[in-house]
Structure formats: C-alpha cells, structure tokens
Protein backbone atom coordinates (compact mmCIF):
# COMPACT_ATOMS: atom_id res chain seq x y z
CA MET A 1 149.70 99.23 63.24
CA ARG A 2 153.31 99.81 62.28
CA GLU A 3 155.05 96.47 61.90
CA VAL A 4 154.68 94.49 58.62
CA THR A 5 156.51 91.34 57.69
CA VAL A 6 156.61 90.09 54.10
CA ILE A 7 157.48 86.42 53.56
CA GLY A 8 159.12 85.83 50.19
CA SER A 9 161.22 88.26 48.17
CA GLY A 10 160.20 87.38 44.65
CA VAL A 11 158.55 89.82 42.27
CA MET A 12 155.45 90.27 44.45
CA GLY A 13 157.27 90.18 47.78
CA LYS A 14 159.71 92.89 46.75
CA GLY A 15 156.87 95.02 45.46
CA ILE A 16 154.75 94.61 48.61
CA ALA A 17 157.71 95.38 50.88
CA TYR A 18 158.52 98.54 48.84
CA ALA A 19 154.88 99.73 48.89
CA CYS A 20 154.60 99.28 52.65
CA ALA A 21 157.95 100.92 53.37
CA VAL A 22 157.29 104.08 51.33
CA SER A 23 153.85 104.34 53.05
CA GLY A 24 155.53 104.65 56.45
CA PHE A 25 155.33 101.11 57.83
CA ARG A 26 158.30 99.36 59.43
CA VAL A 27 158.86 96.35 57.14
CA THR A 28 160.88 93.13 57.50
CA LEU A 29 161.41 91.19 54.33
CA ASN A 30 162.15 87.51 54.84
CA ASP A 31 163.50 84.86 52.55
CA LEU A 32 165.56 81.69 52.65
CA ASN A 33 169.13 83.05 52.54
CA GLU A 34 171.33 86.15 52.35
CA GLU A 35 172.05 85.78 48.68
CA ILE A 36 168.37 85.96 47.74
CA LEU A 37 167.76 88.86 50.11
CA SER A 38 170.81 90.73 48.77
CA ARG A 39 169.39 90.64 45.26
CA ALA A 40 166.03 91.80 46.58
CA ARG A 41 167.62 94.66 48.51
CA GLU A 42 169.45 95.82 45.41
CA GLU A 43 166.31 95.84 43.29
CA ILE A 44 164.20 97.59 45.98
CA GLU A 45 166.85 100.23 46.60
CA ASN A 46 167.21 100.86 42.84
CA LEU A 47 163.42 101.39 42.63
CA MET A 48 163.48 103.74 45.62
CA ASP A 49 166.33 105.73 44.16
CA SER A 50 164.74 106.01 40.70
CA SER A 51 161.36 106.93 42.22
CA PHE A 52 162.97 109.64 44.37
CA HIS A 53 164.97 111.16 41.54
CA ALA A 54 161.98 111.09 39.22
CA GLY A 55 159.92 113.02 41.82
CA PHE A 56 157.51 110.21 42.75
CA LEU A 57 158.85 110.01 46.34
CA GLU A 58 159.37 113.01 48.56
CA GLN A 59 162.68 113.14 50.43
CA GLU A 60 161.16 112.39 53.81
CA ALA A 61 159.31 109.33 52.56
CA TYR A 62 162.43 108.16 50.72
CA GLU A 63 164.65 108.47 53.78
CA THR A 64 162.06 106.92 56.07
CA ALA A 65 161.55 103.94 53.78
CA LYS A 66 165.26 103.28 53.63
CA ARG A 67 165.45 103.26 57.39
CA ASN A 68 162.29 101.22 57.90
CA LEU A 69 163.03 98.30 55.58
CA VAL A 70 165.14 95.48 57.00
CA TYR A 71 166.02 92.01 55.74
CA GLU A 72 165.96 88.82 57.75
CA THR A 73 166.56 85.15 56.87
CA ASP A 74 165.19 83.73 60.12
CA LEU A 75 161.38 83.49 59.84
CA PRO A 76 160.59 83.51 63.63
CA ALA A 77 162.80 86.62 64.15
CA ALA A 78 161.23 88.36 61.14
CA ALA A 79 157.59 87.64 62.21
CA GLU A 80 157.45 87.55 66.00
CA LYS A 81 156.73 91.32 66.45
CA ALA A 82 154.58 91.82 63.29
CA ASP A 83 151.06 93.25 63.45
CA LEU A 84 150.49 92.00 59.87
CA VAL A 85 152.32 89.28 57.95
CA ILE A 86 151.88 89.09 54.18
CA GLU A 87 152.94 85.78 52.63
CA ALA A 88 154.18 86.04 49.02
CA VAL A 89 155.72 82.61 48.30
CA LEU A 90 155.11 80.36 45.30
CA GLU A 91 151.54 79.46 44.33
CA ASN A 92 151.75 76.04 45.96
CA ILE A 93 149.17 75.23 48.57
CA GLU A 94 151.37 72.83 50.53
CA LEU A 95 154.12 75.48 50.76
CA LYS A 96 151.68 78.15 51.85
CA ILE A 97 150.22 75.90 54.55
CA ALA A 98 153.65 75.16 55.85
CA VAL A 99 154.49 78.84 56.08
CA PHE A 100 151.19 79.65 57.85
CA ARG A 101 151.76 76.91 60.38
CA GLN A 102 155.17 78.43 61.22
CA LEU A 103 153.68 81.94 61.39
CA ASP A 104 150.84 80.79 63.62
CA ALA A 105 153.34 79.35 66.09
CA VAL A 106 155.57 82.44 66.37
CA CYS A 107 153.33 85.47 65.80
CA LYS A 108 151.46 87.36 68.45
CA PRO A 109 147.83 86.15 68.96
CA GLU A 110 146.44 89.33 67.48
CA THR A 111 148.63 89.33 64.34
CA VAL A 112 146.68 89.13 61.09
CA LEU A 113 148.08 86.60 58.56
CA ALA A 114 147.45 87.48 54.95
CA THR A 115 148.26 85.51 51.79
CA ASN A 116 148.99 87.22 48.51
CA THR A 117 147.60 84.24 46.54
CA SER A 118 145.89 84.98 43.29
CA THR A 119 143.81 81.81 43.23
CA MET A 120 143.97 79.69 46.37
CA SER A 121 141.70 79.25 49.38
CA PRO A 122 142.25 81.34 52.51
CA THR A 123 139.74 79.04 54.17
CA GLU A 124 141.98 76.01 53.54
CA ILE A 125 145.14 77.85 54.61
CA GLY A 126 143.49 79.28 57.70
CA ALA A 127 142.23 75.85 58.80
CA TYR A 128 145.81 74.84 59.54
CA THR A 129 146.18 77.68 62.07
CA CYS A 130 144.70 78.41 65.45
CA ARG A 131 143.44 81.77 64.16
CA PRO A 132 141.33 81.21 61.02
CA ASP A 133 139.38 84.37 61.93
CA LYS A 134 142.64 86.33 61.33
CA VAL A 135 143.54 84.69 58.06
CA VAL A 136 142.65 86.49 54.82
CA ALA A 137 143.80 86.73 51.18
CA MET A 138 145.29 90.12 50.29
CA HIS A 139 145.87 89.88 46.51
CA PHE A 140 148.17 92.64 45.16
CA PHE A 141 148.91 93.19 41.49
CA ASN A 142 152.10 93.48 39.59
CA PRO A 143 153.88 95.93 39.52
CA VAL A 144 152.78 96.62 43.07
CA HIS A 145 154.03 100.21 43.24
CA LYS A 146 151.89 101.17 40.19
CA MET A 147 148.76 98.99 40.42
CA LYS A 148 145.97 100.45 42.56
CA LEU A 149 143.87 97.39 43.32
CA ILE A 150 143.91 94.92 46.24
CA GLU A 151 141.48 92.02 46.25
CA VAL A 152 140.45 91.31 49.87
CA VAL A 153 139.20 87.73 49.93
CA LYS A 154 137.34 86.60 53.02
CA GLY A 155 137.56 82.95 53.96
CA LEU A 156 134.73 81.03 55.69
CA GLU A 157 136.10 81.90 59.19
CA THR A 158 137.63 85.30 58.42
CA SER A 159 136.17 87.95 60.77
CA ASP A 160 134.61 91.24 59.67
CA GLU A 161 137.21 92.90 61.88
CA THR A 162 140.03 91.34 59.93
CA VAL A 163 138.52 92.47 56.65
CA ALA A 164 138.09 96.01 58.01
CA PHE A 165 141.68 95.96 59.20
CA ILE A 166 142.97 94.96 55.72
CA ARG A 167 140.83 97.70 54.16
CA GLU A 168 142.51 100.26 56.44
CA ILE A 169 145.91 98.95 55.34
CA ALA A 170 144.92 99.28 51.69
CA THR A 171 143.87 102.87 52.29
CA ALA A 172 147.24 103.62 54.02
CA LEU A 173 148.99 102.15 50.94
CA LYS A 174 146.91 104.51 48.75
CA LYS A 175 145.22 101.62 47.06
CA GLU A 176 141.59 100.63 46.37
CA ALA A 177 140.18 97.43 47.94
CA VAL A 178 137.39 95.26 46.60
CA GLU A 179 135.89 92.56 48.84
CA VAL A 180 135.47 89.16 47.21
CA ASN A 181 133.70 86.10 48.54
CA GLU A 182 136.02 83.12 48.34
CA PHE A 183 135.84 81.10 45.13
CA PRO A 184 138.75 79.67 43.11
CA GLY A 185 140.42 82.44 41.12
CA PHE A 186 138.51 85.23 42.89
CA VAL A 187 137.54 87.92 40.28
CA THR A 188 140.63 89.12 38.43
CA SER A 189 142.61 85.87 38.16
CA ARG A 190 139.63 83.96 36.99
CA MET A 191 139.02 86.38 34.13
CA ASN A 192 142.62 87.11 33.38
CA CYS A 193 143.67 83.46 33.12
CA LEU A 194 140.93 82.82 30.61
CA ILE A 195 141.98 85.83 28.46
CA GLY A 196 145.64 84.86 28.64
CA ASN A 197 145.03 81.21 27.88
CA GLU A 198 142.95 82.09 24.80
CA ALA A 199 145.70 84.43 23.63
CA MET A 200 148.15 81.56 23.90
CA ASN A 201 145.79 79.34 21.90
CA LEU A 202 145.58 81.97 19.19
CA LEU A 203 149.32 82.11 18.97
CA MET A 204 149.67 78.29 18.93
CA GLU A 205 147.03 78.09 16.20
CA GLY A 206 148.88 80.68 14.06
CA VAL A 207 145.97 83.10 14.09
CA ALA A 208 148.32 86.10 14.70
CA SER A 209 151.74 86.88 16.10
CA ALA A 210 152.31 87.54 19.79
CA ALA A 211 152.89 91.23 19.07
CA ASP A 212 149.71 91.55 17.02
CA ILE A 213 147.56 89.68 19.56
CA ASP A 214 148.74 92.02 22.27
CA LYS A 215 148.33 95.08 20.05
CA ALA A 216 144.79 94.05 19.21
CA MET A 217 143.86 93.78 22.89
CA LYS A 218 145.50 97.08 23.80
CA LEU A 219 144.06 99.09 20.96
CA GLY A 220 140.80 97.25 20.37
CA LEU A 221 139.78 96.51 24.01
CA ASN A 222 141.77 99.23 25.75
CA HIS A 223 143.86 96.86 27.89
CA PRO A 224 146.96 98.62 29.26
CA MET A 225 149.01 95.51 28.60
CA GLY A 226 148.55 92.68 26.16
CA PRO A 227 147.79 89.27 27.70
CA LEU A 228 151.06 87.68 26.50
CA GLU A 229 153.10 90.61 27.71
CA LEU A 230 151.37 90.28 31.05
CA ALA A 231 152.01 86.54 31.26
CA ASP A 232 155.69 87.12 30.64
CA LEU A 233 155.74 89.75 33.42
CA VAL A 234 153.89 87.45 35.89
CA GLY A 235 156.12 84.47 34.96
CA LEU A 236 154.93 81.58 32.85
CA ASP A 237 155.64 79.05 35.57
CA THR A 238 153.39 81.07 37.91
CA ARG A 239 150.73 81.35 35.28
CA LEU A 240 150.85 77.58 34.65
CA ARG A 241 150.44 76.82 38.36
CA ASN A 242 147.43 79.12 38.44
CA MET A 243 145.89 77.47 35.42
CA GLU A 244 146.47 74.00 36.80
CA TYR A 245 144.77 74.97 40.06
CA LEU A 246 141.78 76.53 38.22
CA HIS A 247 141.53 73.54 35.90
CA LYS A 248 141.45 71.23 38.90
CA THR A 249 138.82 73.30 40.78
CA LEU A 250 136.72 74.89 38.05
CA GLY A 251 136.90 72.47 35.15
CA GLU A 252 137.80 71.96 31.52
CA LYS A 253 137.65 75.55 30.30
CA TYR A 254 140.74 76.31 32.36
CA ARG A 255 142.86 73.58 30.87
CA PRO A 256 146.31 75.19 30.33
CA CYS A 257 147.26 75.84 26.68
CA LEU A 258 149.80 73.26 25.47
CA LEU A 259 152.10 76.05 24.33
CA LEU A 260 152.31 77.36 27.91
CA VAL A 261 153.09 73.86 29.23
CA ASN A 262 155.88 73.45 26.63
CA TYR A 263 157.36 76.90 27.30
CA VAL A 264 157.67 76.12 30.96
CA LYS A 265 159.22 72.74 30.24
CA ALA A 266 161.77 74.57 28.02
CA GLY A 267 162.62 77.06 30.71
CA ARG A 268 160.99 79.96 28.86
CA LEU A 269 159.47 81.56 31.91
CA GLY A 270 159.05 85.10 30.70
CA LYS A 271 160.87 88.26 31.67
CA LYS A 272 162.63 86.69 34.65
CA SER A 273 164.39 84.05 32.46
CA GLY A 274 165.04 86.45 29.55
CA LYS A 275 162.68 84.66 27.18
CA GLY A 276 158.95 83.83 27.09
CA PHE A 277 156.58 84.98 24.38
CA TYR A 278 159.11 87.77 23.86
CA GLU A 279 162.86 88.04 24.38
CA TYR A 280 164.37 90.32 26.96
CA GLU A 281 167.90 91.61 27.74
C-alpha cells in the first residue's frame, strides 16, 4: 500500500498528511480551494524543515516526503487511485456522510475508507456506502507527529481484514494502535471530554484560575498538558461539537459547560483564533 489520500487540511488533516508522507507513503491532501491548501502546504513544509534541521528527520526521509506530498482541490482526482482514504473534516455527521458517499463513488472497490472522528459512528457512516466492511474509524491525536496512539474503531460491518490493514498502517507510521468496539466517544474522547468539561466548570465557578487548574492536573496527576490548554489546542468549537454529540448519545453528564458555549459564541475558539482560555500571538 503506497497511496494515501487525506480529506480536509485542518489541524488534524495537515498532521496526518505529514505523518504519512515522512513515513514513505505517497500522499494527496484534498480541501475545498487553493487558498486553504496553500496555507496547509506552508505549515506542513515549515514543520518538515524544522524537523529536518532539528535532526528528527533524516535527509532521505525529508526529501522523499517533499516529493511524495501533493495538493489537490478536486476530490475525485485526489481519491480515485488511493489505497487508503482518511477523512479529517469537521465533526459533523451529515458532512462526513456526504464525503463518504462521494468517496464510495470514485474510489477503487478495494480502497479502505477511514474517518478520523473522535466520537462518531463508523457504522452509521459506513451504512451510506456500498463497502461498510471497508469503513473504519482511525482516530489520530493532536499533534499527530508527536502523539503515538491511534484508536482503531470497528463498526458493526467492519471486517477483521480492514482492522488488520489499519493496524499495519499504524505500525508503518511508528504508532501504537488500540482496538475499540464502537460506542460514542470511544475510549479517549469519552474520558477526555469529561475531564475538560469539569475543568471548565471549575473555572466558571471561580474555584481556581485556568493556569492553576492546568498546573494542578500536570503536577498532581502527571498529565502532559492541562485540560484547558488541550481544549484550546483542539479548538473550542470542535470540543463543543464533541460534547453536544456525547450529550445527545450518552446523557446528562456530558452536558457542555456554559462557559464553553459562551466562548464559542464569542469567537474564542482557542489557539486557532488567538484567544480561548489563554491568549496567543
């Protein structure tokens, strides 16, 4: 397997494309227009350059990755030759289904279609294709080039062969895979959303400052990042969509914190907007 297509060049899409390219795959990154892809190209190439100069990438891998990564606005052209397509669009089930319907129509019959969703159902997404046995969730973590885990989430119709295939890809990417039976939120998002939501409630209630809440979690519970820092990195709009989905599917304990709702209404989306629980340049 050599050809990978990534749909969506946001934070996760850029990271997945980078990780696949530096691992030797030929990668096509797809998004809606040239302006979006131009920004993605600049950020990916900056990461490649800095990783190479810092000694994290050997020269051969660096040069191969630059040759192997291409950018394409036309989805059929981007996906028609792919052996694996990884969808990384917004956490919106209708949007994901629309993308998978397109992919199902243009991809080779043997192509595996993976969604990078952190919460949503590969069974539901796969049901809108003619290949539900080849639909799976492949949940990467941010930042992709540093985080070692991939959650492999098997839908009701996903074949064992598809899961084995994704495990092989994870190994080629030098990552560890865990297999998860489908349930809303899987393992990590279900736990992480609860922790983050409680941190937001603590902040809203005036129990401690954002910096002290994060510091307490890092030093007291050995978390590498505080929950509010992490929410800013993920994007507060993304976190809110996740919480709304989990609230709908799993019940009251996942009701989004009012502070999160208000921050998103105000356009405080975290690092990508310059302001969330913290301010950024």
